[in-house]
Amino acid sequence: MPDAARQPHSEYLPVPYPPPAAFAETVPERPNREALWVDGHWAWRGGTFVWQRGGWMQVRAGTHYAHWRIRYAPDGTLLFAEEAWYDAHLKPIPAPKALVEAYSPPNELTPESQHGF
């Protein structure tokens, strides 16, 4: 896992409810020794939570990663911050592209095209 980072308070947005439980994902074979696994996570899109698959990532040295978080404001408002990636100077950067994405085990909600078989 890359070095840990904390979410700045400015990244927390109000949401009406917490994210659901995580989806079960099947971890594919590691593509190379340098690849790091990053779990799937929830993102807030258009007024609802959307699952973003995990995957094996090639992460540059010095990269920092902040897991998604929820917290409550003093007035009781639920706040959510999505996962975020930062460079060595803690400036935001785009998420690395997954070398190999996780896939979901067969279930009633996941199309067969997403099972990875």
PDB file of N, CA and C in Angstrom:
ATOM      1  N   MET A   1       0.855  -1.179   0.000  1.00  0.00           N
ATOM      2  CA  MET A   1       0.000   0.000   0.000  1.00  0.00           C
ATOM      3  C   MET A   1       0.894   1.233   0.000  1.00  0.00           C
ATOM      4  N   PRO A   2       0.492   2.269  -0.734  1.00  0.00           N
ATOM      5  CA  PRO A   2       1.280   3.500  -0.710  1.00  0.00           C
ATOM      6  C   PRO A   2       1.242   4.149   0.670  1.00  0.00           C
ATOM      7  N   ASP A   3       2.086   5.165   0.867  1.00  0.00           N
ATOM      8  CA  ASP A   3       2.081   5.890   2.131  1.00  0.00           C
ATOM      9  C   ASP A   3       0.694   6.464   2.390  1.00  0.00           C
ATOM     10  N   ALA A   4       0.297   6.469   3.659  1.00  0.00           N
ATOM     11  CA  ALA A   4      -1.027   6.958   4.032  1.00  0.00           C
ATOM     12  C   ALA A   4      -1.057   8.482   4.058  1.00  0.00           C
ATOM     13  N   ALA A   5      -2.201   9.035   3.708  1.00  0.00           N
ATOM     14  CA  ALA A   5      -2.446  10.477   3.789  1.00  0.00           C
ATOM     15  C   ALA A   5      -3.796  10.672   4.477  1.00  0.00           C
ATOM     16  N   ARG A   6      -4.022  11.854   5.006  1.00  0.00           N
ATOM     17  CA  ARG A   6      -5.300  12.187   5.639  1.00  0.00           C
ATOM     18  C   ARG A   6      -6.109  13.056   4.699  1.00  0.00           C
ATOM     19  N   GLN A   7      -7.414  12.884   4.771  1.00  0.00           N
ATOM     20  CA  GLN A   7      -8.296  13.723   3.980  1.00  0.00           C
ATOM     21  C   GLN A   7      -8.348  15.127   4.579  1.00  0.00           C
ATOM     22  N   PRO A   8      -8.130  16.183   3.780  1.00  0.00           N
ATOM     23  CA  PRO A   8      -8.328  17.528   4.312  1.00  0.00           C
ATOM     24  C   PRO A   8      -9.816  17.770   4.583  1.00  0.00           C
ATOM     25  N   HIS A   9     -10.129  18.581   5.562  1.00  0.00           N
ATOM     26  CA  HIS A   9     -11.531  18.867   5.895  1.00  0.00           C
ATOM     27  C   HIS A   9     -12.302  19.398   4.690  1.00  0.00           C
ATOM     28  N   SER A  10     -11.611  20.089   3.781  1.00  0.00           N
ATOM     29  CA  SER A  10     -12.275  20.653   2.607  1.00  0.00           C
ATOM     30  C   SER A  10     -12.811  19.580   1.658  1.00  0.00           C
ATOM     31  N   GLU A  11     -12.344  18.337   1.778  1.00  0.00           N
ATOM     32  CA  GLU A  11     -12.777  17.258   0.886  1.00  0.00           C
ATOM     33  C   GLU A  11     -14.058  16.568   1.347  1.00  0.00           C
ATOM     34  N   TYR A  12     -14.512  16.851   2.555  1.00  0.00           N
ATOM     35  CA  TYR A  12     -15.717  16.212   3.072  1.00  0.00           C
ATOM     36  C   TYR A  12     -16.959  16.936   2.555  1.00  0.00           C
ATOM     37  N   LEU A  13     -17.883  16.168   1.978  1.00  0.00           N
ATOM     38  CA  LEU A  13     -19.131  16.704   1.456  1.00  0.00           C
ATOM     39  C   LEU A  13     -20.301  16.120   2.234  1.00  0.00           C
ATOM     40  N   PRO A  14     -21.373  16.896   2.425  1.00  0.00           N
ATOM     41  CA  PRO A  14     -22.534  16.350   3.120  1.00  0.00           C
ATOM     42  C   PRO A  14     -23.233  15.296   2.263  1.00  0.00           C
ATOM     43  N   VAL A  15     -23.618  14.196   2.894  1.00  0.00           N
ATOM     44  CA  VAL A  15     -24.376  13.130   2.236  1.00  0.00           C
ATOM     45  C   VAL A  15     -25.563  12.777   3.137  1.00  0.00           C
ATOM     46  N   PRO A  16     -26.672  12.315   2.539  1.00  0.00           N
ATOM     47  CA  PRO A  16     -27.866  12.042   3.351  1.00  0.00           C
ATOM     48  C   PRO A  16     -27.829  10.719   4.116  1.00  0.00           C
ATOM     49  N   TYR A  17     -26.934   9.815   3.721  1.00  0.00           N
ATOM     50  CA  TYR A  17     -26.844   8.508   4.368  1.00  0.00           C
ATOM     51  C   TYR A  17     -25.443   7.946   4.152  1.00  0.00           C
ATOM     52  N   PRO A  18     -25.014   7.022   5.006  1.00  0.00           N
ATOM     53  CA  PRO A  18     -23.666   6.444   4.847  1.00  0.00           C
ATOM     54  C   PRO A  18     -23.613   5.475   3.671  1.00  0.00           C
ATOM     55  N   PRO A  19     -22.405   5.183   3.199  1.00  0.00           N
ATOM     56  CA  PRO A  19     -22.292   4.212   2.108  1.00  0.00           C
ATOM     57  C   PRO A  19     -22.709   2.820   2.567  1.00  0.00           C
ATOM     58  N   PRO A  20     -23.188   2.003   1.625  1.00  0.00           N
ATOM     59  CA  PRO A  20     -23.532   0.612   1.958  1.00  0.00           C
ATOM     60  C   PRO A  20     -22.290  -0.202   2.312  1.00  0.00           C
ATOM     61  N   ALA A  21     -22.503  -1.436   2.685  1.00  0.00           N
ATOM     62  CA  ALA A  21     -21.389  -2.359   2.916  1.00  0.00           C
ATOM     63  C   ALA A  21     -20.614  -2.552   1.614  1.00  0.00           C
ATOM     64  N   ALA A  22     -19.352  -2.870   1.735  1.00  0.00           N
ATOM     65  CA  ALA A  22     -18.508  -3.082   0.556  1.00  0.00           C
ATOM     66  C   ALA A  22     -18.992  -4.277  -0.245  1.00  0.00           C
ATOM     67  N   PHE A  23     -18.772  -4.230  -1.552  1.00  0.00           N
ATOM     68  CA  PHE A  23     -19.051  -5.370  -2.413  1.00  0.00           C
ATOM     69  C   PHE A  23     -17.958  -6.420  -2.222  1.00  0.00           C
ATOM     70  N   ALA A  24     -18.319  -7.670  -2.384  1.00  0.00           N
ATOM     71  CA  ALA A  24     -17.311  -8.734  -2.418  1.00  0.00           C
ATOM     72  C   ALA A  24     -16.626  -8.673  -3.777  1.00  0.00           C
ATOM     73  N   GLU A  25     -15.308  -8.738  -3.748  1.00  0.00           N
ATOM     74  CA  GLU A  25     -14.551  -8.728  -4.993  1.00  0.00           C
ATOM     75  C   GLU A  25     -13.566  -9.888  -4.994  1.00  0.00           C
ATOM     76  N   THR A  26     -13.343 -10.447  -6.162  1.00  0.00           N
ATOM     77  CA  THR A  26     -12.346 -11.482  -6.326  1.00  0.00           C
ATOM     78  C   THR A  26     -11.050 -10.810  -6.763  1.00  0.00           C
ATOM     79  N   VAL A  27      -9.977 -11.111  -6.040  1.00  0.00           N
ATOM     80  CA  VAL A  27      -8.677 -10.513  -6.341  1.00  0.00           C
ATOM     81  C   VAL A  27      -7.996 -11.372  -7.405  1.00  0.00           C
ATOM     82  N   PRO A  28      -7.746 -10.791  -8.580  1.00  0.00           N
ATOM     83  CA  PRO A  28      -7.068 -11.556  -9.631  1.00  0.00           C
ATOM     84  C   PRO A  28      -5.584 -11.735  -9.309  1.00  0.00           C
ATOM     85  N   GLU A  29      -4.946 -12.554 -10.092  1.00  0.00           N
ATOM     86  CA  GLU A  29      -3.515 -12.806  -9.899  1.00  0.00           C
ATOM     87  C   GLU A  29      -2.723 -11.513 -10.031  1.00  0.00           C
ATOM     88  N   ARG A  30      -1.724 -11.364  -9.191  1.00  0.00           N
ATOM     89  CA  ARG A  30      -0.864 -10.172  -9.200  1.00  0.00           C
ATOM     90  C   ARG A  30      -0.081 -10.124 -10.518  1.00  0.00           C
ATOM     91  N   PRO A  31      -0.147  -8.988 -11.230  1.00  0.00           N
ATOM     92  CA  PRO A  31       0.494  -8.942 -12.551  1.00  0.00           C
ATOM     93  C   PRO A  31       2.011  -8.830 -12.505  1.00  0.00           C
ATOM     94  N   ASN A  32       2.562  -8.267 -11.421  1.00  0.00           N
ATOM     95  CA  ASN A  32       4.010  -8.172 -11.275  1.00  0.00           C
ATOM     96  C   ASN A  32       4.336  -7.909  -9.807  1.00  0.00           C
ATOM     97  N   ARG A  33       5.600  -8.047  -9.445  1.00  0.00           N
ATOM     98  CA  ARG A  33       6.006  -7.928  -8.030  1.00  0.00           C
ATOM     99  C   ARG A  33       5.849  -6.517  -7.478  1.00  0.00           C
ATOM    100  N   GLU A  34       5.861  -5.516  -8.325  1.00  0.00           N
ATOM    101  CA  GLU A  34       5.761  -4.133  -7.870  1.00  0.00           C
ATOM    102  C   GLU A  34       4.320  -3.657  -7.717  1.00  0.00           C
ATOM    103  N   ALA A  35       3.368  -4.394  -8.260  1.00  0.00           N
ATOM    104  CA  ALA A  35       1.962  -3.980  -8.205  1.00  0.00           C
ATOM    105  C   ALA A  35       1.447  -4.029  -6.766  1.00  0.00           C
ATOM    106  N   LEU A  36       0.654  -3.033  -6.407  1.00  0.00           N
ATOM    107  CA  LEU A  36       0.053  -2.946  -5.075  1.00  0.00           C
ATOM    108  C   LEU A  36      -1.463  -3.082  -5.193  1.00  0.00           C
ATOM    109  N   TRP A  37      -2.056  -3.823  -4.271  1.00  0.00           N
ATOM    110  CA  TRP A  37      -3.507  -4.001  -4.280  1.00  0.00           C
ATOM    111  C   TRP A  37      -4.171  -2.833  -3.563  1.00  0.00           C
ATOM    112  N   VAL A  38      -5.214  -2.274  -4.180  1.00  0.00           N
ATOM    113  CA  VAL A  38      -6.046  -1.242  -3.564  1.00  0.00           C
ATOM    114  C   VAL A  38      -7.484  -1.749  -3.613  1.00  0.00           C
ATOM    115  N   ASP A  39      -8.120  -1.832  -2.435  1.00  0.00           N
ATOM    116  CA  ASP A  39      -9.497  -2.324  -2.355  1.00  0.00           C
ATOM    117  C   ASP A  39     -10.464  -1.413  -3.096  1.00  0.00           C
ATOM    118  N   GLY A  40     -11.584  -1.990  -3.498  1.00  0.00           N
ATOM    119  CA  GLY A  40     -12.670  -1.202  -4.066  1.00  0.00           C
ATOM    120  C   GLY A  40     -13.228  -0.257  -3.003  1.00  0.00           C
ATOM    121  N   HIS A  41     -13.990   0.715  -3.452  1.00  0.00           N
ATOM    122  CA  HIS A  41     -14.508   1.723  -2.524  1.00  0.00           C
ATOM    123  C   HIS A  41     -15.767   2.371  -3.097  1.00  0.00           C
ATOM    124  N   TRP A  42     -16.478   3.059  -2.245  1.00  0.00           N
ATOM    125  CA  TRP A  42     -17.649   3.819  -2.662  1.00  0.00           C
ATOM    126  C   TRP A  42     -17.261   5.232  -3.041  1.00  0.00           C
ATOM    127  N   ALA A  43     -17.918   5.759  -4.077  1.00  0.00           N
ATOM    128  CA  ALA A  43     -17.775   7.154  -4.499  1.00  0.00           C
ATOM    129  C   ALA A  43     -19.175   7.766  -4.527  1.00  0.00           C
ATOM    130  N   TRP A  44     -19.283   9.049  -4.275  1.00  0.00           N
ATOM    131  CA  TRP A  44     -20.559   9.761  -4.280  1.00  0.00           C
ATOM    132  C   TRP A  44     -20.733  10.411  -5.650  1.00  0.00           C
ATOM    133  N   ARG A  45     -21.739   9.947  -6.411  1.00  0.00           N
ATOM    134  CA  ARG A  45     -21.979  10.448  -7.762  1.00  0.00           C
ATOM    135  C   ARG A  45     -23.470  10.720  -7.957  1.00  0.00           C
ATOM    136  N   GLY A  46     -23.802  11.943  -8.283  1.00  0.00           N
ATOM    137  CA  GLY A  46     -25.188  12.272  -8.650  1.00  0.00           C
ATOM    138  C   GLY A  46     -26.206  11.950  -7.586  1.00  0.00           C
ATOM    139  N   GLY A  47     -25.855  12.114  -6.332  1.00  0.00           N
ATOM    140  CA  GLY A  47     -26.815  11.881  -5.257  1.00  0.00           C
ATOM    141  C   GLY A  47     -26.933  10.440  -4.805  1.00  0.00           C
ATOM    142  N   THR A  48     -25.979   9.594  -5.217  1.00  0.00           N
ATOM    143  CA  THR A  48     -26.002   8.199  -4.780  1.00  0.00           C
ATOM    144  C   THR A  48     -24.574   7.664  -4.703  1.00  0.00           C
ATOM    145  N   PHE A  49     -24.385   6.598  -3.957  1.00  0.00           N
ATOM    146  CA  PHE A  49     -23.082   5.954  -3.882  1.00  0.00           C
ATOM    147  C   PHE A  49     -22.922   4.981  -5.046  1.00  0.00           C
ATOM    148  N   VAL A  50     -21.733   4.981  -5.642  1.00  0.00           N
ATOM    149  CA  VAL A  50     -21.406   4.122  -6.772  1.00  0.00           C
ATOM    150  C   VAL A  50     -20.137   3.352  -6.412  1.00  0.00           C
ATOM    151  N   TRP A  51     -20.143   2.042  -6.641  1.00  0.00           N
ATOM    152  CA  TRP A  51     -18.986   1.208  -6.322  1.00  0.00           C
ATOM    153  C   TRP A  51     -17.900   1.373  -7.378  1.00  0.00           C
ATOM    154  N   GLN A  52     -16.687   1.593  -6.927  1.00  0.00           N
ATOM    155  CA  GLN A  52     -15.504   1.659  -7.781  1.00  0.00           C
ATOM    156  C   GLN A  52     -14.656   0.420  -7.485  1.00  0.00           C
ATOM    157  N   ARG A  53     -14.423  -0.398  -8.473  1.00  0.00           N
ATOM    158  CA  ARG A  53     -13.694  -1.651  -8.261  1.00  0.00           C
ATOM    159  C   ARG A  53     -12.263  -1.419  -7.793  1.00  0.00           C
ATOM    160  N   GLY A  54     -11.781  -2.353  -6.994  1.00  0.00           N
ATOM    161  CA  GLY A  54     -10.380  -2.349  -6.596  1.00  0.00           C
ATOM    162  C   GLY A  54      -9.530  -2.910  -7.717  1.00  0.00           C
ATOM    163  N   GLY A  55      -8.232  -2.940  -7.487  1.00  0.00           N
ATOM    164  CA  GLY A  55      -7.362  -3.502  -8.503  1.00  0.00           C
ATOM    165  C   GLY A  55      -5.898  -3.440  -8.111  1.00  0.00           C
ATOM    166  N   TRP A  56      -5.101  -4.109  -8.923  1.00  0.00           N
ATOM    167  CA  TRP A  56      -3.650  -4.056  -8.797  1.00  0.00           C
ATOM    168  C   TRP A  56      -3.181  -2.794  -9.493  1.00  0.00           C
ATOM    169  N   MET A  57      -2.423  -1.965  -8.790  1.00  0.00           N
ATOM    170  CA  MET A  57      -1.979  -0.679  -9.324  1.00  0.00           C
ATOM    171  C   MET A  57      -0.456  -0.579  -9.306  1.00  0.00           C
ATOM    172  N   GLN A  58       0.044   0.127 -10.293  1.00  0.00           N
ATOM    173  CA  GLN A  58       1.465   0.463 -10.326  1.00  0.00           C
ATOM    174  C   GLN A  58       1.560   1.874  -9.761  1.00  0.00           C
ATOM    175  N   VAL A  59       2.114   2.006  -8.556  1.00  0.00           N
ATOM    176  CA  VAL A  59       2.137   3.284  -7.848  1.00  0.00           C
ATOM    177  C   VAL A  59       3.571   3.794  -7.778  1.00  0.00           C
ATOM    178  N   ARG A  60       3.765   5.044  -8.162  1.00  0.00           N
ATOM    179  CA  ARG A  60       5.098   5.650  -8.112  1.00  0.00           C
ATOM    180  C   ARG A  60       5.563   5.824  -6.673  1.00  0.00           C
ATOM    181  N   ALA A  61       6.853   5.742  -6.449  1.00  0.00           N
ATOM    182  CA  ALA A  61       7.417   6.000  -5.128  1.00  0.00           C
ATOM    183  C   ALA A  61       7.049   7.422  -4.712  1.00  0.00           C
ATOM    184  N   GLY A  62       6.749   7.602  -3.429  1.00  0.00           N
ATOM    185  CA  GLY A  62       6.399   8.914  -2.916  1.00  0.00           C
ATOM    186  C   GLY A  62       4.922   9.244  -3.011  1.00  0.00           C
ATOM    187  N   THR A  63       4.136   8.350  -3.630  1.00  0.00           N
ATOM    188  CA  THR A  63       2.702   8.576  -3.747  1.00  0.00           C
ATOM    189  C   THR A  63       2.031   8.303  -2.404  1.00  0.00           C
ATOM    190  N   HIS A  64       1.038   9.117  -2.074  1.00  0.00           N
ATOM    191  CA  HIS A  64       0.266   8.954  -0.844  1.00  0.00           C
ATOM    192  C   HIS A  64      -1.194   8.665  -1.202  1.00  0.00           C
ATOM    193  N   TYR A  65      -1.846   7.914  -0.323  1.00  0.00           N
ATOM    194  CA  TYR A  65      -3.229   7.494  -0.557  1.00  0.00           C
ATOM    195  C   TYR A  65      -4.061   7.772   0.685  1.00  0.00           C
ATOM    196  N   ALA A  66      -5.210   8.395   0.490  1.00  0.00           N
ATOM    197  CA  ALA A  66      -6.152   8.636   1.585  1.00  0.00           C
ATOM    198  C   ALA A  66      -7.400   7.800   1.327  1.00  0.00           C
ATOM    199  N   HIS A  67      -7.705   6.879   2.242  1.00  0.00           N
ATOM    200  CA  HIS A  67      -8.922   6.070   2.142  1.00  0.00           C
ATOM    201  C   HIS A  67     -10.143   6.964   2.237  1.00  0.00           C
ATOM    202  N   TRP A  68     -11.268   6.494   1.715  1.00  0.00           N
ATOM    203  CA  TRP A  68     -12.514   7.238   1.895  1.00  0.00           C
ATOM    204  C   TRP A  68     -12.851   7.252   3.384  1.00  0.00           C
ATOM    205  N   ARG A  69     -13.547   8.266   3.806  1.00  0.00           N
ATOM    206  CA  ARG A  69     -13.887   8.408   5.225  1.00  0.00           C
ATOM    207  C   ARG A  69     -15.266   9.042   5.379  1.00  0.00           C
ATOM    208  N   ILE A  70     -15.909   8.741   6.483  1.00  0.00           N
ATOM    209  CA  ILE A  70     -17.113   9.469   6.879  1.00  0.00           C
ATOM    210  C   ILE A  70     -16.863  10.063   8.260  1.00  0.00           C
ATOM    211  N   ARG A  71     -17.509  11.162   8.529  1.00  0.00           N
ATOM    212  CA  ARG A  71     -17.445  11.781   9.848  1.00  0.00           C
ATOM    213  C   ARG A  71     -18.694  12.626  10.015  1.00  0.00           C
ATOM    214  N   TYR A  72     -18.917  13.080  11.224  1.00  0.00           N
ATOM    215  CA  TYR A  72     -20.063  13.935  11.505  1.00  0.00           C
ATOM    216  C   TYR A  72     -19.590  15.346  11.817  1.00  0.00           C
ATOM    217  N   ALA A  73     -20.286  16.333  11.255  1.00  0.00           N
ATOM    218  CA  ALA A  73     -20.037  17.734  11.592  1.00  0.00           C
ATOM    219  C   ALA A  73     -20.610  17.986  12.987  1.00  0.00           C
ATOM    220  N   PRO A  74     -20.191  19.057  13.648  1.00  0.00           N
ATOM    221  CA  PRO A  74     -20.718  19.355  14.978  1.00  0.00           C
ATOM    222  C   PRO A  74     -22.248  19.439  15.035  1.00  0.00           C
ATOM    223  N   ASP A  75     -22.882  19.825  13.913  1.00  0.00           N
ATOM    224  CA  ASP A  75     -24.352  19.911  13.905  1.00  0.00           C
ATOM    225  C   ASP A  75     -25.026  18.575  13.590  1.00  0.00           C
ATOM    226  N   GLY A  76     -24.239  17.500  13.444  1.00  0.00           N
ATOM    227  CA  GLY A  76     -24.785  16.169  13.181  1.00  0.00           C
ATOM    228  C   GLY A  76     -24.857  15.789  11.714  1.00  0.00           C
ATOM    229  N   THR A  77     -24.487  16.684  10.805  1.00  0.00           N
ATOM    230  CA  THR A  77     -24.498  16.382   9.374  1.00  0.00           C
ATOM    231  C   THR A  77     -23.468  15.299   9.068  1.00  0.00           C
ATOM    232  N   LEU A  78     -23.884  14.288   8.304  1.00  0.00           N
ATOM    233  CA  LEU A  78     -22.975  13.224   7.883  1.00  0.00           C
ATOM    234  C   LEU A  78     -22.138  13.740   6.713  1.00  0.00           C
ATOM    235  N   LEU A  79     -20.833  13.570   6.798  1.00  0.00           N
ATOM    236  CA  LEU A  79     -19.906  14.032   5.773  1.00  0.00           C
ATOM    237  C   LEU A  79     -19.113  12.860   5.212  1.00  0.00           C
ATOM    238  N   PHE A  80     -18.836  12.898   3.928  1.00  0.00           N
ATOM    239  CA  PHE A  80     -18.133  11.823   3.228  1.00  0.00           C
ATOM    240  C   PHE A  80     -17.001  12.415   2.399  1.00  0.00           C
ATOM    241  N   ALA A  81     -15.829  11.796   2.463  1.00  0.00           N
ATOM    242  CA  ALA A  81     -14.693  12.161   1.611  1.00  0.00           C
ATOM    243  C   ALA A  81     -14.298  10.919   0.817  1.00  0.00           C
ATOM    244  N   GLU A  82     -14.242  11.068  -0.492  1.00  0.00           N
ATOM    245  CA  GLU A  82     -13.836   9.953  -1.355  1.00  0.00           C
ATOM    246  C   GLU A  82     -12.352   9.679  -1.200  1.00  0.00           C
ATOM    247  N   GLU A  83     -11.930   8.500  -1.658  1.00  0.00           N
ATOM    248  CA  GLU A  83     -10.496   8.217  -1.657  1.00  0.00           C
ATOM    249  C   GLU A  83      -9.789   9.274  -2.484  1.00  0.00           C
ATOM    250  N   ALA A  84      -8.529   9.510  -2.170  1.00  0.00           N
ATOM    251  CA  ALA A  84      -7.767  10.525  -2.895  1.00  0.00           C
ATOM    252  C   ALA A  84      -6.302  10.109  -2.960  1.00  0.00           C
ATOM    253  N   TRP A  85      -5.630  10.567  -4.000  1.00  0.00           N
ATOM    254  CA  TRP A  85      -4.222  10.279  -4.227  1.00  0.00           C
ATOM    255  C   TRP A  85      -3.451  11.589  -4.222  1.00  0.00           C
ATOM    256  N   TYR A  86      -2.232  11.542  -3.669  1.00  0.00           N
ATOM    257  CA  TYR A  86      -1.410  12.737  -3.544  1.00  0.00           C
ATOM    258  C   TYR A  86       0.027  12.417  -3.939  1.00  0.00           C
ATOM    259  N   ASP A  87       0.730  13.450  -4.432  1.00  0.00           N
ATOM    260  CA  ASP A  87       2.143  13.265  -4.751  1.00  0.00           C
ATOM    261  C   ASP A  87       2.984  13.390  -3.482  1.00  0.00           C
ATOM    262  N   ALA A  88       4.288  13.386  -3.640  1.00  0.00           N
ATOM    263  CA  ALA A  88       5.197  13.442  -2.495  1.00  0.00           C
ATOM    264  C   ALA A  88       5.066  14.737  -1.702  1.00  0.00           C
ATOM    265  N   HIS A  89       4.506  15.793  -2.325  1.00  0.00           N
ATOM    266  CA  HIS A  89       4.315  17.083  -1.655  1.00  0.00           C
ATOM    267  C   HIS A  89       2.880  17.255  -1.170  1.00  0.00           C
ATOM    268  N   LEU A  90       2.103  16.151  -1.196  1.00  0.00           N
ATOM    269  CA  LEU A  90       0.703  16.115  -0.772  1.00  0.00           C
ATOM    270  C   LEU A  90      -0.195  17.019  -1.613  1.00  0.00           C
ATOM    271  N   LYS A  91       0.148  17.132  -2.892  1.00  0.00           N
ATOM    272  CA  LYS A  91      -0.712  17.809  -3.862  1.00  0.00           C
ATOM    273  C   LYS A  91      -1.557  16.736  -4.543  1.00  0.00           C
ATOM    274  N   PRO A  92      -2.867  16.990  -4.742  1.00  0.00           N
ATOM    275  CA  PRO A  92      -3.731  15.978  -5.377  1.00  0.00           C
ATOM    276  C   PRO A  92      -3.242  15.586  -6.767  1.00  0.00           C
ATOM    277  N   ILE A  93      -3.346  14.295  -7.055  1.00  0.00           N
ATOM    278  CA  ILE A  93      -3.012  13.763  -8.373  1.00  0.00           C
ATOM    279  C   ILE A  93      -4.111  12.794  -8.787  1.00  0.00           C
ATOM    280  N   PRO A  94      -4.234  12.505 -10.088  1.00  0.00           N
ATOM    281  CA  PRO A  94      -5.222  11.505 -10.511  1.00  0.00           C
ATOM    282  C   PRO A  94      -4.865  10.125  -9.947  1.00  0.00           C
ATOM    283  N   ALA A  95      -5.875   9.315  -9.724  1.00  0.00           N
ATOM    284  CA  ALA A  95      -5.654   7.943  -9.261  1.00  0.00           C
ATOM    285  C   ALA A  95      -4.876   7.174 -10.322  1.00  0.00           C
ATOM    286  N   PRO A  96      -3.950   6.321  -9.901  1.00  0.00           N
ATOM    287  CA  PRO A  96      -3.257   5.488 -10.893  1.00  0.00           C
ATOM    288  C   PRO A  96      -4.249   4.560 -11.587  1.00  0.00           C
ATOM    289  N   LYS A  97      -3.948   4.228 -12.795  1.00  0.00           N
ATOM    290  CA  LYS A  97      -4.795   3.304 -13.559  1.00  0.00           C
ATOM    291  C   LYS A  97      -4.537   1.882 -13.063  1.00  0.00           C
ATOM    292  N   ALA A  98      -5.596   1.127 -12.886  1.00  0.00           N
ATOM    293  CA  ALA A  98      -5.442  -0.265 -12.451  1.00  0.00           C
ATOM    294  C   ALA A  98      -4.810  -1.088 -13.570  1.00  0.00           C
ATOM    295  N   LEU A  99      -3.812  -1.879 -13.205  1.00  0.00           N
ATOM    296  CA  LEU A  99      -3.215  -2.816 -14.166  1.00  0.00           C
ATOM    297  C   LEU A  99      -4.183  -3.959 -14.426  1.00  0.00           C
ATOM    298  N   VAL A 100      -4.799  -4.458 -13.340  1.00  0.00           N
ATOM    299  CA  VAL A 100      -5.791  -5.531 -13.416  1.00  0.00           C
ATOM    300  C   VAL A 100      -6.863  -5.211 -12.378  1.00  0.00           C
ATOM    301  N   GLU A 101      -8.123  -5.089 -12.808  1.00  0.00           N
ATOM    302  CA  GLU A 101      -9.218  -4.800 -11.885  1.00  0.00           C
ATOM    303  C   GLU A 101      -9.732  -6.065 -11.215  1.00  0.00           C
ATOM    304  N   ALA A 102     -10.295  -5.863 -10.036  1.00  0.00           N
ATOM    305  CA  ALA A 102     -11.009  -6.946  -9.362  1.00  0.00           C
ATOM    306  C   ALA A 102     -12.251  -7.286 -10.173  1.00  0.00           C
ATOM    307  N   TYR A 103     -12.814  -8.426  -9.908  1.00  0.00           N
ATOM    308  CA  TYR A 103     -14.107  -8.753 -10.503  1.00  0.00           C
ATOM    309  C   TYR A 103     -14.994  -9.308  -9.412  1.00  0.00           C
ATOM    310  N   SER A 104     -16.279  -9.247  -9.652  1.00  0.00           N
ATOM    311  CA  SER A 104     -17.245  -9.690  -8.651  1.00  0.00           C
ATOM    312  C   SER A 104     -17.574 -11.153  -8.847  1.00  0.00           C
ATOM    313  N   PRO A 105     -17.697 -11.889  -7.754  1.00  0.00           N
ATOM    314  CA  PRO A 105     -18.165 -13.264  -7.903  1.00  0.00           C
ATOM    315  C   PRO A 105     -19.598 -13.243  -8.427  1.00  0.00           C
ATOM    316  N   PRO A 106     -20.044 -14.292  -9.080  1.00  0.00           N
ATOM    317  CA  PRO A 106     -21.401 -14.305  -9.627  1.00  0.00           C
ATOM    318  C   PRO A 106     -22.435 -13.987  -8.546  1.00  0.00           C
ATOM    319  N   ASN A 107     -23.359 -13.106  -8.897  1.00  0.00           N
ATOM    320  CA  ASN A 107     -24.488 -12.779  -8.013  1.00  0.00           C
ATOM    321  C   ASN A 107     -25.611 -12.208  -8.847  1.00  0.00           C
ATOM    322  N   GLU A 108     -26.726 -11.963  -8.223  1.00  0.00           N
ATOM    323  CA  GLU A 108     -27.901 -11.527  -8.980  1.00  0.00           C
ATOM    324  C   GLU A 108     -27.816 -10.087  -9.467  1.00  0.00           C
ATOM    325  N   LEU A 109     -26.890  -9.282  -8.944  1.00  0.00           N
ATOM    326  CA  LEU A 109     -26.805  -7.877  -9.323  1.00  0.00           C
ATOM    327  C   LEU A 109     -25.708  -7.578 -10.327  1.00  0.00           C
ATOM    328  N   THR A 110     -24.773  -8.497 -10.499  1.00  0.00           N
ATOM    329  CA  THR A 110     -23.623  -8.244 -11.369  1.00  0.00           C
ATOM    330  C   THR A 110     -23.804  -8.989 -12.690  1.00  0.00           C
ATOM    331  N   PRO A 111     -23.755  -8.257 -13.818  1.00  0.00           N
ATOM    332  CA  PRO A 111     -23.866  -8.936 -15.106  1.00  0.00           C
ATOM    333  C   PRO A 111     -22.749  -9.963 -15.289  1.00  0.00           C
ATOM    334  N   GLU A 112     -23.057 -11.026 -16.003  1.00  0.00           N
ATOM    335  CA  GLU A 112     -22.061 -12.073 -16.206  1.00  0.00           C
ATOM    336  C   GLU A 112     -20.807 -11.548 -16.880  1.00  0.00           C
ATOM    337  N   SER A 113     -20.914 -10.469 -17.651  1.00  0.00           N
ATOM    338  CA  SER A 113     -19.748  -9.908 -18.328  1.00  0.00           C
ATOM    339  C   SER A 113     -18.751  -9.328 -17.341  1.00  0.00           C
ATOM    340  N   GLN A 114     -19.138  -9.128 -16.092  1.00  0.00           N
ATOM    341  CA  GLN A 114     -18.252  -8.543 -15.087  1.00  0.00           C
ATOM    342  C   GLN A 114     -17.677  -9.577 -14.127  1.00  0.00           C
ATOM    343  N   HIS A 115     -17.910 -10.838 -14.366  1.00  0.00           N
ATOM    344  CA  HIS A 115     -17.436 -11.867 -13.444  1.00  0.00           C
ATOM    345  C   HIS A 115     -15.960 -12.203 -13.611  1.00  0.00           C
ATOM    346  N   GLY A 116     -15.387 -11.888 -14.750  1.00  0.00           N
ATOM    347  CA  GLY A 116     -13.984 -12.171 -14.971  1.00  0.00           C
ATOM    348  C   GLY A 116     -13.693 -13.592 -15.407  1.00  0.00           C
ATOM    349  N   PHE A 117     -14.710 -14.306 -15.786  1.00  0.00           N
ATOM    350  CA  PHE A 117     -14.495 -15.690 -16.224  1.00  0.00           C
ATOM    351  C   PHE A 117     -14.380 -15.762 -17.729  1.00  0.00           C
TER     352      PHE A 117
END
